[in-house]
Amino acid sequence: MTMTTTQRILDLAAAAPARHGEDLVLLLGEANELYQQGLKDLHREVADRLTGRATADLLAAAQAAGMPCDASQDRDGVILLLTLAEWERSPAAMAFIDMAEAAARRGVRLIPEE
């Protein structure tokens, strides 16, 4: 059985509270890679799904989704905004964000504070 990106991120998020220090950093790193891969995969799917749609329609959809955009944005940029709007509502993205925020409250981050 193949584990999906979402399943793996949910598993990592469930394991995170019991992890500390470098173990938690490694777990966050793996989850971050999966988060980025999931976003890339969804971007391809959204771009394919929106092929042939007028840019004006895409702009209207992005604005309706609450994404900051205006008529000066190119089609690829609007498709990325629509992808982000969809991705941020996914269980994988929400689990990763919750995990990263909880780790940050414990003083653990992927990017060190300056």
PDB file of N, CA and C in Angstrom:
ATOM      1  N   MET A   1       0.838  -1.176   0.000  1.00  0.00           N
ATOM      2  CA  MET A   1       0.000   0.000   0.000  1.00  0.00           C
ATOM      3  C   MET A   1       0.886   1.243   0.000  1.00  0.00           C
ATOM      4  N   THR A   2       0.611   2.168  -0.884  1.00  0.00           N
ATOM      5  CA  THR A   2       1.372   3.399  -0.983  1.00  0.00           C
ATOM      6  C   THR A   2       0.766   4.453  -0.064  1.00  0.00           C
ATOM      7  N   MET A   3       1.611   5.114   0.700  1.00  0.00           N
ATOM      8  CA  MET A   3       1.150   6.165   1.585  1.00  0.00           C
ATOM      9  C   MET A   3       1.112   7.480   0.820  1.00  0.00           C
ATOM     10  N   THR A   4       0.029   8.209   0.956  1.00  0.00           N
ATOM     11  CA  THR A   4      -0.083   9.491   0.280  1.00  0.00           C
ATOM     12  C   THR A   4       0.637  10.570   1.074  1.00  0.00           C
ATOM     13  N   THR A   5       0.873  11.692   0.419  1.00  0.00           N
ATOM     14  CA  THR A   5       1.478  12.850   1.085  1.00  0.00           C
ATOM     15  C   THR A   5       0.638  13.249   2.286  1.00  0.00           C
ATOM     16  N   THR A   6      -0.668  13.312   2.101  1.00  0.00           N
ATOM     17  CA  THR A   6      -1.556  13.707   3.198  1.00  0.00           C
ATOM     18  C   THR A   6      -1.433  12.733   4.363  1.00  0.00           C
ATOM     19  N   GLN A   7      -1.474  11.435   4.082  1.00  0.00           N
ATOM     20  CA  GLN A   7      -1.372  10.442   5.151  1.00  0.00           C
ATOM     21  C   GLN A   7      -0.066  10.602   5.926  1.00  0.00           C
ATOM     22  N   ARG A   8       1.025  10.797   5.187  1.00  0.00           N
ATOM     23  CA  ARG A   8       2.333  10.900   5.855  1.00  0.00           C
ATOM     24  C   ARG A   8       2.410  12.170   6.699  1.00  0.00           C
ATOM     25  N   ILE A   9       1.929  13.293   6.188  1.00  0.00           N
ATOM     26  CA  ILE A   9       1.949  14.529   6.977  1.00  0.00           C
ATOM     27  C   ILE A   9       1.088  14.366   8.223  1.00  0.00           C
ATOM     28  N   LEU A  10      -0.076  13.739   8.091  1.00  0.00           N
ATOM     29  CA  LEU A  10      -0.922  13.513   9.266  1.00  0.00           C
ATOM     30  C   LEU A  10      -0.220  12.621  10.284  1.00  0.00           C
ATOM     31  N   ASP A  11       0.487  11.595   9.815  1.00  0.00           N
ATOM     32  CA  ASP A  11       1.254  10.735  10.720  1.00  0.00           C
ATOM     33  C   ASP A  11       2.357  11.520  11.423  1.00  0.00           C
ATOM     34  N   LEU A  12       3.064  12.353  10.672  1.00  0.00           N
ATOM     35  CA  LEU A  12       4.135  13.159  11.274  1.00  0.00           C
ATOM     36  C   LEU A  12       3.558  14.143  12.295  1.00  0.00           C
ATOM     37  N   ALA A  13       2.426  14.746  11.965  1.00  0.00           N
ATOM     38  CA  ALA A  13       1.786  15.687  12.887  1.00  0.00           C
ATOM     39  C   ALA A  13       1.362  14.983  14.171  1.00  0.00           C
ATOM     40  N   ALA A  14       0.887  13.751  14.053  1.00  0.00           N
ATOM     41  CA  ALA A  14       0.489  12.995  15.237  1.00  0.00           C
ATOM     42  C   ALA A  14       1.699  12.630  16.103  1.00  0.00           C
ATOM     43  N   ALA A  15       2.832  12.415  15.471  1.00  0.00           N
ATOM     44  CA  ALA A  15       4.048  12.045  16.205  1.00  0.00           C
ATOM     45  C   ALA A  15       4.756  13.244  16.818  1.00  0.00           C
ATOM     46  N   ALA A  16       4.519  14.426  16.298  1.00  0.00           N
ATOM     47  CA  ALA A  16       5.274  15.622  16.698  1.00  0.00           C
ATOM     48  C   ALA A  16       5.211  15.947  18.191  1.00  0.00           C
ATOM     49  N   PRO A  17       4.070  15.866  18.854  1.00  0.00           N
ATOM     50  CA  PRO A  17       4.042  16.251  20.268  1.00  0.00           C
ATOM     51  C   PRO A  17       4.989  15.442  21.153  1.00  0.00           C
ATOM     52  N   ALA A  18       5.298  14.214  20.771  1.00  0.00           N
ATOM     53  CA  ALA A  18       6.192  13.378  21.568  1.00  0.00           C
ATOM     54  C   ALA A  18       7.663  13.557  21.215  1.00  0.00           C
ATOM     55  N   ARG A  19       7.950  14.369  20.211  1.00  0.00           N
ATOM     56  CA  ARG A  19       9.328  14.579  19.762  1.00  0.00           C
ATOM     57  C   ARG A  19       9.895  15.860  20.366  1.00  0.00           C
ATOM     58  N   HIS A  20      11.217  15.889  20.497  1.00  0.00           N
ATOM     59  CA  HIS A  20      11.892  17.049  21.086  1.00  0.00           C
ATOM     60  C   HIS A  20      13.195  17.306  20.349  1.00  0.00           C
ATOM     61  N   GLY A  21      13.654  18.540  20.424  1.00  0.00           N
ATOM     62  CA  GLY A  21      14.953  18.906  19.896  1.00  0.00           C
ATOM     63  C   GLY A  21      15.169  18.510  18.451  1.00  0.00           C
ATOM     64  N   GLU A  22      16.334  17.881  18.205  1.00  0.00           N
ATOM     65  CA  GLU A  22      16.718  17.526  16.838  1.00  0.00           C
ATOM     66  C   GLU A  22      15.743  16.541  16.192  1.00  0.00           C
ATOM     67  N   ASP A  23      15.164  15.645  16.987  1.00  0.00           N
ATOM     68  CA  ASP A  23      14.155  14.726  16.450  1.00  0.00           C
ATOM     69  C   ASP A  23      12.980  15.497  15.862  1.00  0.00           C
ATOM     70  N   LEU A  24      12.552  16.533  16.569  1.00  0.00           N
ATOM     71  CA  LEU A  24      11.431  17.340  16.094  1.00  0.00           C
ATOM     72  C   LEU A  24      11.824  18.141  14.859  1.00  0.00           C
ATOM     73  N   VAL A  25      13.053  18.646  14.825  1.00  0.00           N
ATOM     74  CA  VAL A  25      13.535  19.375  13.648  1.00  0.00           C
ATOM     75  C   VAL A  25      13.532  18.455  12.423  1.00  0.00           C
ATOM     76  N   LEU A  26      14.004  17.226  12.582  1.00  0.00           N
ATOM     77  CA  LEU A  26      14.015  16.265  11.475  1.00  0.00           C
ATOM     78  C   LEU A  26      12.592  15.957  11.007  1.00  0.00           C
ATOM     79  N   LEU A  27      11.690  15.787  11.958  1.00  0.00           N
ATOM     80  CA  LEU A  27      10.297  15.519  11.617  1.00  0.00           C
ATOM     81  C   LEU A  27       9.691  16.700  10.864  1.00  0.00           C
ATOM     82  N   LEU A  28       9.950  17.909  11.347  1.00  0.00           N
ATOM     83  CA  LEU A  28       9.467  19.111  10.655  1.00  0.00           C
ATOM     84  C   LEU A  28      10.055  19.219   9.257  1.00  0.00           C
ATOM     85  N   GLY A  29      11.327  18.886   9.116  1.00  0.00           N
ATOM     86  CA  GLY A  29      11.973  18.930   7.804  1.00  0.00           C
ATOM     87  C   GLY A  29      11.314  17.987   6.817  1.00  0.00           C
ATOM     88  N   GLU A  30      11.021  16.762   7.261  1.00  0.00           N
ATOM     89  CA  GLU A  30      10.344  15.812   6.380  1.00  0.00           C
ATOM     90  C   GLU A  30       8.949  16.312   6.019  1.00  0.00           C
ATOM     91  N   ALA A  31       8.229  16.819   7.025  1.00  0.00           N
ATOM     92  CA  ALA A  31       6.877  17.330   6.772  1.00  0.00           C
ATOM     93  C   ALA A  31       6.920  18.524   5.823  1.00  0.00           C
ATOM     94  N   ASN A  32       7.918  19.376   5.964  1.00  0.00           N
ATOM     95  CA  ASN A  32       8.051  20.535   5.081  1.00  0.00           C
ATOM     96  C   ASN A  32       8.286  20.099   3.634  1.00  0.00           C
ATOM     97  N   GLU A  33       9.148  19.104   3.446  1.00  0.00           N
ATOM     98  CA  GLU A  33       9.389  18.592   2.086  1.00  0.00           C
ATOM     99  C   GLU A  33       8.098  18.037   1.477  1.00  0.00           C
ATOM    100  N   LEU A  34       7.338  17.312   2.277  1.00  0.00           N
ATOM    101  CA  LEU A  34       6.070  16.757   1.800  1.00  0.00           C
ATOM    102  C   LEU A  34       5.060  17.863   1.510  1.00  0.00           C
ATOM    103  N   TYR A  35       5.049  18.884   2.354  1.00  0.00           N
ATOM    104  CA  TYR A  35       4.166  20.037   2.152  1.00  0.00           C
ATOM    105  C   TYR A  35       4.478  20.690   0.803  1.00  0.00           C
ATOM    106  N   GLN A  36       5.763  20.938   0.545  1.00  0.00           N
ATOM    107  CA  GLN A  36       6.174  21.571  -0.706  1.00  0.00           C
ATOM    108  C   GLN A  36       5.831  20.687  -1.910  1.00  0.00           C
ATOM    109  N   GLN A  37       6.046  19.373  -1.770  1.00  0.00           N
ATOM    110  CA  GLN A  37       5.722  18.458  -2.870  1.00  0.00           C
ATOM    111  C   GLN A  37       4.222  18.419  -3.123  1.00  0.00           C
ATOM    112  N   GLY A  38       3.441  18.405  -2.067  1.00  0.00           N
ATOM    113  CA  GLY A  38       1.989  18.421  -2.216  1.00  0.00           C
ATOM    114  C   GLY A  38       1.506  19.672  -2.926  1.00  0.00           C
ATOM    115  N   LEU A  39       2.105  20.806  -2.580  1.00  0.00           N
ATOM    116  CA  LEU A  39       1.747  22.072  -3.225  1.00  0.00           C
ATOM    117  C   LEU A  39       2.120  22.032  -4.713  1.00  0.00           C
ATOM    118  N   LYS A  40       3.295  21.518  -5.038  1.00  0.00           N
ATOM    119  CA  LYS A  40       3.708  21.406  -6.450  1.00  0.00           C
ATOM    120  C   LYS A  40       2.765  20.498  -7.230  1.00  0.00           C
ATOM    121  N   ASP A  41       2.422  19.364  -6.634  1.00  0.00           N
ATOM    122  CA  ASP A  41       1.523  18.418  -7.311  1.00  0.00           C
ATOM    123  C   ASP A  41       0.161  19.055  -7.559  1.00  0.00           C
ATOM    124  N   LEU A  42      -0.353  19.740  -6.552  1.00  0.00           N
ATOM    125  CA  LEU A  42      -1.652  20.392  -6.703  1.00  0.00           C
ATOM    126  C   LEU A  42      -1.579  21.500  -7.745  1.00  0.00           C
ATOM    127  N   HIS A  43      -0.472  22.235  -7.797  1.00  0.00           N
ATOM    128  CA  HIS A  43      -0.311  23.310  -8.776  1.00  0.00           C
ATOM    129  C   HIS A  43      -0.451  22.761 -10.191  1.00  0.00           C
ATOM    130  N   ARG A  44       0.187  21.618 -10.441  1.00  0.00           N
ATOM    131  CA  ARG A  44       0.064  20.992 -11.767  1.00  0.00           C
ATOM    132  C   ARG A  44      -1.393  20.608 -12.056  1.00  0.00           C
ATOM    133  N   GLU A  45      -2.061  20.030 -11.058  1.00  0.00           N
ATOM    134  CA  GLU A  45      -3.456  19.624 -11.235  1.00  0.00           C
ATOM    135  C   GLU A  45      -4.356  20.825 -11.510  1.00  0.00           C
ATOM    136  N   VAL A  46      -4.168  21.897 -10.745  1.00  0.00           N
ATOM    137  CA  VAL A  46      -4.995  23.092 -10.916  1.00  0.00           C
ATOM    138  C   VAL A  46      -4.736  23.719 -12.283  1.00  0.00           C
ATOM    139  N   ALA A  47      -3.468  23.811 -12.679  1.00  0.00           N
ATOM    140  CA  ALA A  47      -3.147  24.388 -13.987  1.00  0.00           C
ATOM    141  C   ALA A  47      -3.813  23.585 -15.106  1.00  0.00           C
ATOM    142  N   ASP A  48      -3.771  22.269 -14.997  1.00  0.00           N
ATOM    143  CA  ASP A  48      -4.421  21.423 -16.001  1.00  0.00           C
ATOM    144  C   ASP A  48      -5.937  21.623 -15.993  1.00  0.00           C
ATOM    145  N   ARG A  49      -6.505  21.671 -14.809  1.00  0.00           N
ATOM    146  CA  ARG A  49      -7.952  21.822 -14.666  1.00  0.00           C
ATOM    147  C   ARG A  49      -8.446  23.152 -15.222  1.00  0.00           C
ATOM    148  N   LEU A  50      -7.612  24.195 -15.136  1.00  0.00           N
ATOM    149  CA  LEU A  50      -8.030  25.529 -15.553  1.00  0.00           C
ATOM    150  C   LEU A  50      -7.627  25.882 -16.984  1.00  0.00           C
ATOM    151  N   THR A  51      -7.040  24.938 -17.691  1.00  0.00           N
ATOM    152  CA  THR A  51      -6.676  25.172 -19.084  1.00  0.00           C
ATOM    153  C   THR A  51      -7.915  25.605 -19.858  1.00  0.00           C
ATOM    154  N   GLY A  52      -7.767  26.673 -20.624  1.00  0.00           N
ATOM    155  CA  GLY A  52      -8.867  27.154 -21.448  1.00  0.00           C
ATOM    156  C   GLY A  52      -9.779  28.159 -20.776  1.00  0.00           C
ATOM    157  N   ARG A  53      -9.653  28.325 -19.466  1.00  0.00           N
ATOM    158  CA  ARG A  53     -10.489  29.309 -18.774  1.00  0.00           C
ATOM    159  C   ARG A  53      -9.912  30.705 -18.986  1.00  0.00           C
ATOM    160  N   ALA A  54     -10.759  31.671 -19.156  1.00  0.00           N
ATOM    161  CA  ALA A  54     -10.330  33.051 -19.362  1.00  0.00           C
ATOM    162  C   ALA A  54      -9.651  33.585 -18.105  1.00  0.00           C
ATOM    163  N   THR A  55      -8.601  34.373 -18.302  1.00  0.00           N
ATOM    164  CA  THR A  55      -7.878  34.950 -17.181  1.00  0.00           C
ATOM    165  C   THR A  55      -8.795  35.793 -16.306  1.00  0.00           C
ATOM    166  N   ALA A  56      -9.727  36.514 -16.907  1.00  0.00           N
ATOM    167  CA  ALA A  56     -10.670  37.318 -16.132  1.00  0.00           C
ATOM    168  C   ALA A  56     -11.503  36.442 -15.193  1.00  0.00           C
ATOM    169  N   ASP A  57     -11.894  35.259 -15.661  1.00  0.00           N
ATOM    170  CA  ASP A  57     -12.641  34.326 -14.813  1.00  0.00           C
ATOM    171  C   ASP A  57     -11.772  33.823 -13.660  1.00  0.00           C
ATOM    172  N   LEU A  58     -10.497  33.591 -13.954  1.00  0.00           N
ATOM    173  CA  LEU A  58      -9.571  33.133 -12.919  1.00  0.00           C
ATOM    174  C   LEU A  58      -9.355  34.218 -11.874  1.00  0.00           C
ATOM    175  N   LEU A  59      -9.231  35.470 -12.324  1.00  0.00           N
ATOM    176  CA  LEU A  59      -9.093  36.595 -11.397  1.00  0.00           C
ATOM    177  C   LEU A  59     -10.304  36.686 -10.473  1.00  0.00           C
ATOM    178  N   ALA A  60     -11.488  36.555 -11.048  1.00  0.00           N
ATOM    179  CA  ALA A  60     -12.711  36.615 -10.249  1.00  0.00           C
ATOM    180  C   ALA A  60     -12.740  35.475  -9.226  1.00  0.00           C
ATOM    181  N   ALA A  61     -12.315  34.287  -9.630  1.00  0.00           N
ATOM    182  CA  ALA A  61     -12.291  33.145  -8.715  1.00  0.00           C
ATOM    183  C   ALA A  61     -11.283  33.368  -7.591  1.00  0.00           C
ATOM    184  N   ALA A  62     -10.124  33.918  -7.922  1.00  0.00           N
ATOM    185  CA  ALA A  62      -9.108  34.196  -6.902  1.00  0.00           C
ATOM    186  C   ALA A  62      -9.613  35.238  -5.904  1.00  0.00           C
ATOM    187  N   GLN A  63     -10.248  36.274  -6.403  1.00  0.00           N
ATOM    188  CA  GLN A  63     -10.797  37.297  -5.515  1.00  0.00           C
ATOM    189  C   GLN A  63     -11.891  36.717  -4.633  1.00  0.00           C
ATOM    190  N   ALA A  64     -12.741  35.869  -5.201  1.00  0.00           N
ATOM    191  CA  ALA A  64     -13.806  35.228  -4.427  1.00  0.00           C
ATOM    192  C   ALA A  64     -13.232  34.317  -3.339  1.00  0.00           C
ATOM    193  N   ALA A  65     -12.047  33.751  -3.602  1.00  0.00           N
ATOM    194  CA  ALA A  65     -11.390  32.879  -2.626  1.00  0.00           C
ATOM    195  C   ALA A  65     -10.631  33.671  -1.569  1.00  0.00           C
ATOM    196  N   GLY A  66     -10.676  35.006  -1.696  1.00  0.00           N
ATOM    197  CA  GLY A  66     -10.012  35.854  -0.710  1.00  0.00           C
ATOM    198  C   GLY A  66      -8.527  36.036  -0.931  1.00  0.00           C
ATOM    199  N   MET A  67      -8.065  35.728  -2.124  1.00  0.00           N
ATOM    200  CA  MET A  67      -6.641  35.877  -2.426  1.00  0.00           C
ATOM    201  C   MET A  67      -6.388  37.269  -2.989  1.00  0.00           C
ATOM    202  N   PRO A  68      -5.308  37.918  -2.549  1.00  0.00           N
ATOM    203  CA  PRO A  68      -5.011  39.269  -3.029  1.00  0.00           C
ATOM    204  C   PRO A  68      -4.511  39.236  -4.473  1.00  0.00           C
ATOM    205  N   CYS A  69      -5.278  39.802  -5.370  1.00  0.00           N
ATOM    206  CA  CYS A  69      -4.856  39.843  -6.760  1.00  0.00           C
ATOM    207  C   CYS A  69      -5.534  41.009  -7.461  1.00  0.00           C
ATOM    208  N   ASP A  70      -4.963  41.378  -8.588  1.00  0.00           N
ATOM    209  CA  ASP A  70      -5.551  42.444  -9.397  1.00  0.00           C
ATOM    210  C   ASP A  70      -5.313  42.133 -10.868  1.00  0.00           C
ATOM    211  N   ALA A  71      -5.890  42.937 -11.715  1.00  0.00           N
ATOM    212  CA  ALA A  71      -5.855  42.695 -13.154  1.00  0.00           C
ATOM    213  C   ALA A  71      -4.450  42.716 -13.746  1.00  0.00           C
ATOM    214  N   SER A  72      -3.475  43.266 -13.023  1.00  0.00           N
ATOM    215  CA  SER A  72      -2.111  43.315 -13.552  1.00  0.00           C
ATOM    216  C   SER A  72      -1.379  41.980 -13.429  1.00  0.00           C
ATOM    217  N   GLN A  73      -1.941  41.034 -12.680  1.00  0.00           N
ATOM    218  CA  GLN A  73      -1.271  39.743 -12.502  1.00  0.00           C
ATOM    219  C   GLN A  73      -1.432  38.884 -13.746  1.00  0.00           C
ATOM    220  N   ASP A  74      -0.369  38.156 -14.055  1.00  0.00           N
ATOM    221  CA  ASP A  74      -0.451  37.279 -15.216  1.00  0.00           C
ATOM    222  C   ASP A  74      -1.175  35.986 -14.859  1.00  0.00           C
ATOM    223  N   ARG A  75      -1.549  35.259 -15.871  1.00  0.00           N
ATOM    224  CA  ARG A  75      -2.334  34.030 -15.716  1.00  0.00           C
ATOM    225  C   ARG A  75      -1.650  33.041 -14.776  1.00  0.00           C
ATOM    226  N   ASP A  76      -0.350  32.827 -14.939  1.00  0.00           N
ATOM    227  CA  ASP A  76       0.363  31.870 -14.088  1.00  0.00           C
ATOM    228  C   ASP A  76       0.311  32.281 -12.619  1.00  0.00           C
ATOM    229  N   GLY A  77       0.432  33.567 -12.378  1.00  0.00           N
ATOM    230  CA  GLY A  77       0.348  34.063 -10.998  1.00  0.00           C
ATOM    231  C   GLY A  77      -1.023  33.844 -10.390  1.00  0.00           C
ATOM    232  N   VAL A  78      -2.053  34.033 -11.172  1.00  0.00           N
ATOM    233  CA  VAL A  78      -3.421  33.832 -10.684  1.00  0.00           C
ATOM    234  C   VAL A  78      -3.670  32.348 -10.428  1.00  0.00           C
ATOM    235  N   ILE A  79      -3.166  31.490 -11.286  1.00  0.00           N
ATOM    236  CA  ILE A  79      -3.308  30.046 -11.078  1.00  0.00           C
ATOM    237  C   ILE A  79      -2.592  29.630  -9.797  1.00  0.00           C
ATOM    238  N   LEU A  80      -1.438  30.205  -9.536  1.00  0.00           N
ATOM    239  CA  LEU A  80      -0.730  29.906  -8.296  1.00  0.00           C
ATOM    240  C   LEU A  80      -1.546  30.359  -7.086  1.00  0.00           C
ATOM    241  N   LEU A  81      -2.158  31.528  -7.159  1.00  0.00           N
ATOM    242  CA  LEU A  81      -3.008  31.996  -6.055  1.00  0.00           C
ATOM    243  C   LEU A  81      -4.183  31.050  -5.819  1.00  0.00           C
ATOM    244  N   LEU A  82      -4.806  30.591  -6.902  1.00  0.00           N
ATOM    245  CA  LEU A  82      -5.909  29.641  -6.764  1.00  0.00           C
ATOM    246  C   LEU A  82      -5.427  28.319  -6.169  1.00  0.00           C
ATOM    247  N   THR A  83      -4.242  27.914  -6.552  1.00  0.00           N
ATOM    248  CA  THR A  83      -3.651  26.700  -5.983  1.00  0.00           C
ATOM    249  C   THR A  83      -3.436  26.872  -4.485  1.00  0.00           C
ATOM    250  N   LEU A  84      -2.871  28.011  -4.101  1.00  0.00           N
ATOM    251  CA  LEU A  84      -2.631  28.275  -2.676  1.00  0.00           C
ATOM    252  C   LEU A  84      -3.932  28.291  -1.887  1.00  0.00           C
ATOM    253  N   ALA A  85      -4.960  28.898  -2.445  1.00  0.00           N
ATOM    254  CA  ALA A  85      -6.251  28.951  -1.760  1.00  0.00           C
ATOM    255  C   ALA A  85      -6.787  27.541  -1.517  1.00  0.00           C
ATOM    256  N   GLU A  86      -6.644  26.671  -2.507  1.00  0.00           N
ATOM    257  CA  GLU A  86      -7.108  25.289  -2.360  1.00  0.00           C
ATOM    258  C   GLU A  86      -6.218  24.509  -1.403  1.00  0.00           C
ATOM    259  N   TRP A  87      -4.904  24.674  -1.544  1.00  0.00           N
ATOM    260  CA  TRP A  87      -3.953  23.921  -0.725  1.00  0.00           C
ATOM    261  C   TRP A  87      -4.083  24.270   0.749  1.00  0.00           C
ATOM    262  N   GLU A  88      -4.251  25.547   1.061  1.00  0.00           N
ATOM    263  CA  GLU A  88      -4.332  25.970   2.463  1.00  0.00           C
ATOM    264  C   GLU A  88      -5.531  25.370   3.186  1.00  0.00           C
ATOM    265  N   ARG A  89      -6.534  24.922   2.450  1.00  0.00           N
ATOM    266  CA  ARG A  89      -7.715  24.294   3.054  1.00  0.00           C
ATOM    267  C   ARG A  89      -7.595  22.772   3.119  1.00  0.00           C
ATOM    268  N   SER A  90      -6.488  22.232   2.621  1.00  0.00           N
ATOM    269  CA  SER A  90      -6.334  20.771   2.600  1.00  0.00           C
ATOM    270  C   SER A  90      -5.929  20.253   3.982  1.00  0.00           C
ATOM    271  N   PRO A  91      -6.325  19.028   4.312  1.00  0.00           N
ATOM    272  CA  PRO A  91      -5.920  18.448   5.599  1.00  0.00           C
ATOM    273  C   PRO A  91      -4.401  18.410   5.776  1.00  0.00           C
ATOM    274  N   ALA A  92      -3.667  18.129   4.706  1.00  0.00           N
ATOM    275  CA  ALA A  92      -2.201  18.064   4.807  1.00  0.00           C
ATOM    276  C   ALA A  92      -1.622  19.415   5.187  1.00  0.00           C
ATOM    277  N   ALA A  93      -2.048  20.464   4.512  1.00  0.00           N
ATOM    278  CA  ALA A  93      -1.520  21.799   4.802  1.00  0.00           C
ATOM    279  C   ALA A  93      -1.901  22.250   6.201  1.00  0.00           C
ATOM    280  N   MET A  94      -3.151  22.027   6.577  1.00  0.00           N
ATOM    281  CA  MET A  94      -3.586  22.437   7.916  1.00  0.00           C
ATOM    282  C   MET A  94      -2.820  21.685   9.005  1.00  0.00           C
ATOM    283  N   ALA A  95      -2.592  20.385   8.800  1.00  0.00           N
ATOM    284  CA  ALA A  95      -1.840  19.600   9.781  1.00  0.00           C
ATOM    285  C   ALA A  95      -0.404  20.093   9.883  1.00  0.00           C
ATOM    286  N   PHE A  96       0.220  20.386   8.741  1.00  0.00           N
ATOM    287  CA  PHE A  96       1.599  20.869   8.770  1.00  0.00           C
ATOM    288  C   PHE A  96       1.690  22.218   9.480  1.00  0.00           C
ATOM    289  N   ILE A  97       0.784  23.120   9.158  1.00  0.00           N
ATOM    290  CA  ILE A  97       0.809  24.446   9.785  1.00  0.00           C
ATOM    291  C   ILE A  97       0.607  24.335  11.292  1.00  0.00           C
ATOM    292  N   ASP A  98      -0.343  23.509  11.716  1.00  0.00           N
ATOM    293  CA  ASP A  98      -0.561  23.306  13.155  1.00  0.00           C
ATOM    294  C   ASP A  98       0.687  22.724  13.817  1.00  0.00           C
ATOM    295  N   MET A  99       1.318  21.758  13.148  1.00  0.00           N
ATOM    296  CA  MET A  99       2.516  21.134  13.690  1.00  0.00           C
ATOM    297  C   MET A  99       3.658  22.142  13.803  1.00  0.00           C
ATOM    298  N   ALA A 100       3.861  22.932  12.764  1.00  0.00           N
ATOM    299  CA  ALA A 100       4.940  23.925  12.778  1.00  0.00           C
ATOM    300  C   ALA A 100       4.698  24.999  13.838  1.00  0.00           C
ATOM    301  N   GLU A 101       3.443  25.437  13.975  1.00  0.00           N
ATOM    302  CA  GLU A 101       3.126  26.440  14.993  1.00  0.00           C
ATOM    303  C   GLU A 101       3.327  25.888  16.396  1.00  0.00           C
ATOM    304  N   ALA A 102       2.913  24.639  16.634  1.00  0.00           N
ATOM    305  CA  ALA A 102       3.107  24.016  17.950  1.00  0.00           C
ATOM    306  C   ALA A 102       4.593  23.853  18.254  1.00  0.00           C
ATOM    307  N   ALA A 103       5.368  23.461  17.259  1.00  0.00           N
ATOM    308  CA  ALA A 103       6.814  23.329  17.460  1.00  0.00           C
ATOM    309  C   ALA A 103       7.442  24.687  17.760  1.00  0.00           C
ATOM    310  N   ALA A 104       7.002  25.719  17.057  1.00  0.00           N
ATOM    311  CA  ALA A 104       7.544  27.068  17.288  1.00  0.00           C
ATOM    312  C   ALA A 104       7.247  27.531  18.710  1.00  0.00           C
ATOM    313  N   ARG A 105       6.064  27.206  19.217  1.00  0.00           N
ATOM    314  CA  ARG A 105       5.741  27.571  20.605  1.00  0.00           C
ATOM    315  C   ARG A 105       6.672  26.869  21.586  1.00  0.00           C
ATOM    316  N   ARG A 106       7.224  25.738  21.169  1.00  0.00           N
ATOM    317  CA  ARG A 106       8.186  24.994  21.997  1.00  0.00           C
ATOM    318  C   ARG A 106       9.619  25.411  21.701  1.00  0.00           C
ATOM    319  N   GLY A 107       9.779  26.418  20.850  1.00  0.00           N
ATOM    320  CA  GLY A 107      11.106  26.931  20.534  1.00  0.00           C
ATOM    321  C   GLY A 107      11.828  26.205  19.422  1.00  0.00           C
ATOM    322  N   VAL A 108      11.118  25.360  18.667  1.00  0.00           N
ATOM    323  CA  VAL A 108      11.736  24.588  17.590  1.00  0.00           C
ATOM    324  C   VAL A 108      11.242  25.121  16.254  1.00  0.00           C
ATOM    325  N   ARG A 109      12.197  25.480  15.395  1.00  0.00           N
ATOM    326  CA  ARG A 109      11.877  26.016  14.071  1.00  0.00           C
ATOM    327  C   ARG A 109      12.832  25.435  13.041  1.00  0.00           C
ATOM    328  N   LEU A 110      12.363  25.388  11.795  1.00  0.00           N
ATOM    329  CA  LEU A 110      13.249  24.957  10.716  1.00  0.00           C
ATOM    330  C   LEU A 110      14.244  26.053  10.375  1.00  0.00           C
ATOM    331  N   ILE A 111      13.782  27.298  10.436  1.00  0.00           N
ATOM    332  CA  ILE A 111      14.641  28.446  10.144  1.00  0.00           C
ATOM    333  C   ILE A 111      14.963  29.123  11.459  1.00  0.00           C
ATOM    334  N   PRO A 112      16.235  29.162  11.828  1.00  0.00           N
ATOM    335  CA  PRO A 112      16.604  29.773  13.110  1.00  0.00           C
ATOM    336  C   PRO A 112      16.258  31.256  13.163  1.00  0.00           C
ATOM    337  N   GLU A 113      15.880  31.717  14.346  1.00  0.00           N
ATOM    338  CA  GLU A 113      15.624  33.145  14.533  1.00  0.00           C
ATOM    339  C   GLU A 113      16.939  33.904  14.510  1.00  0.00           C
ATOM    340  N   GLU A 114      16.842  35.121  14.043  1.00  0.00           N
ATOM    341  CA  GLU A 114      18.063  35.954  14.007  1.00  0.00           C
ATOM    342  C   GLU A 114      18.198  36.758  15.269  1.00  0.00           C
TER     343      GLU A 114
END
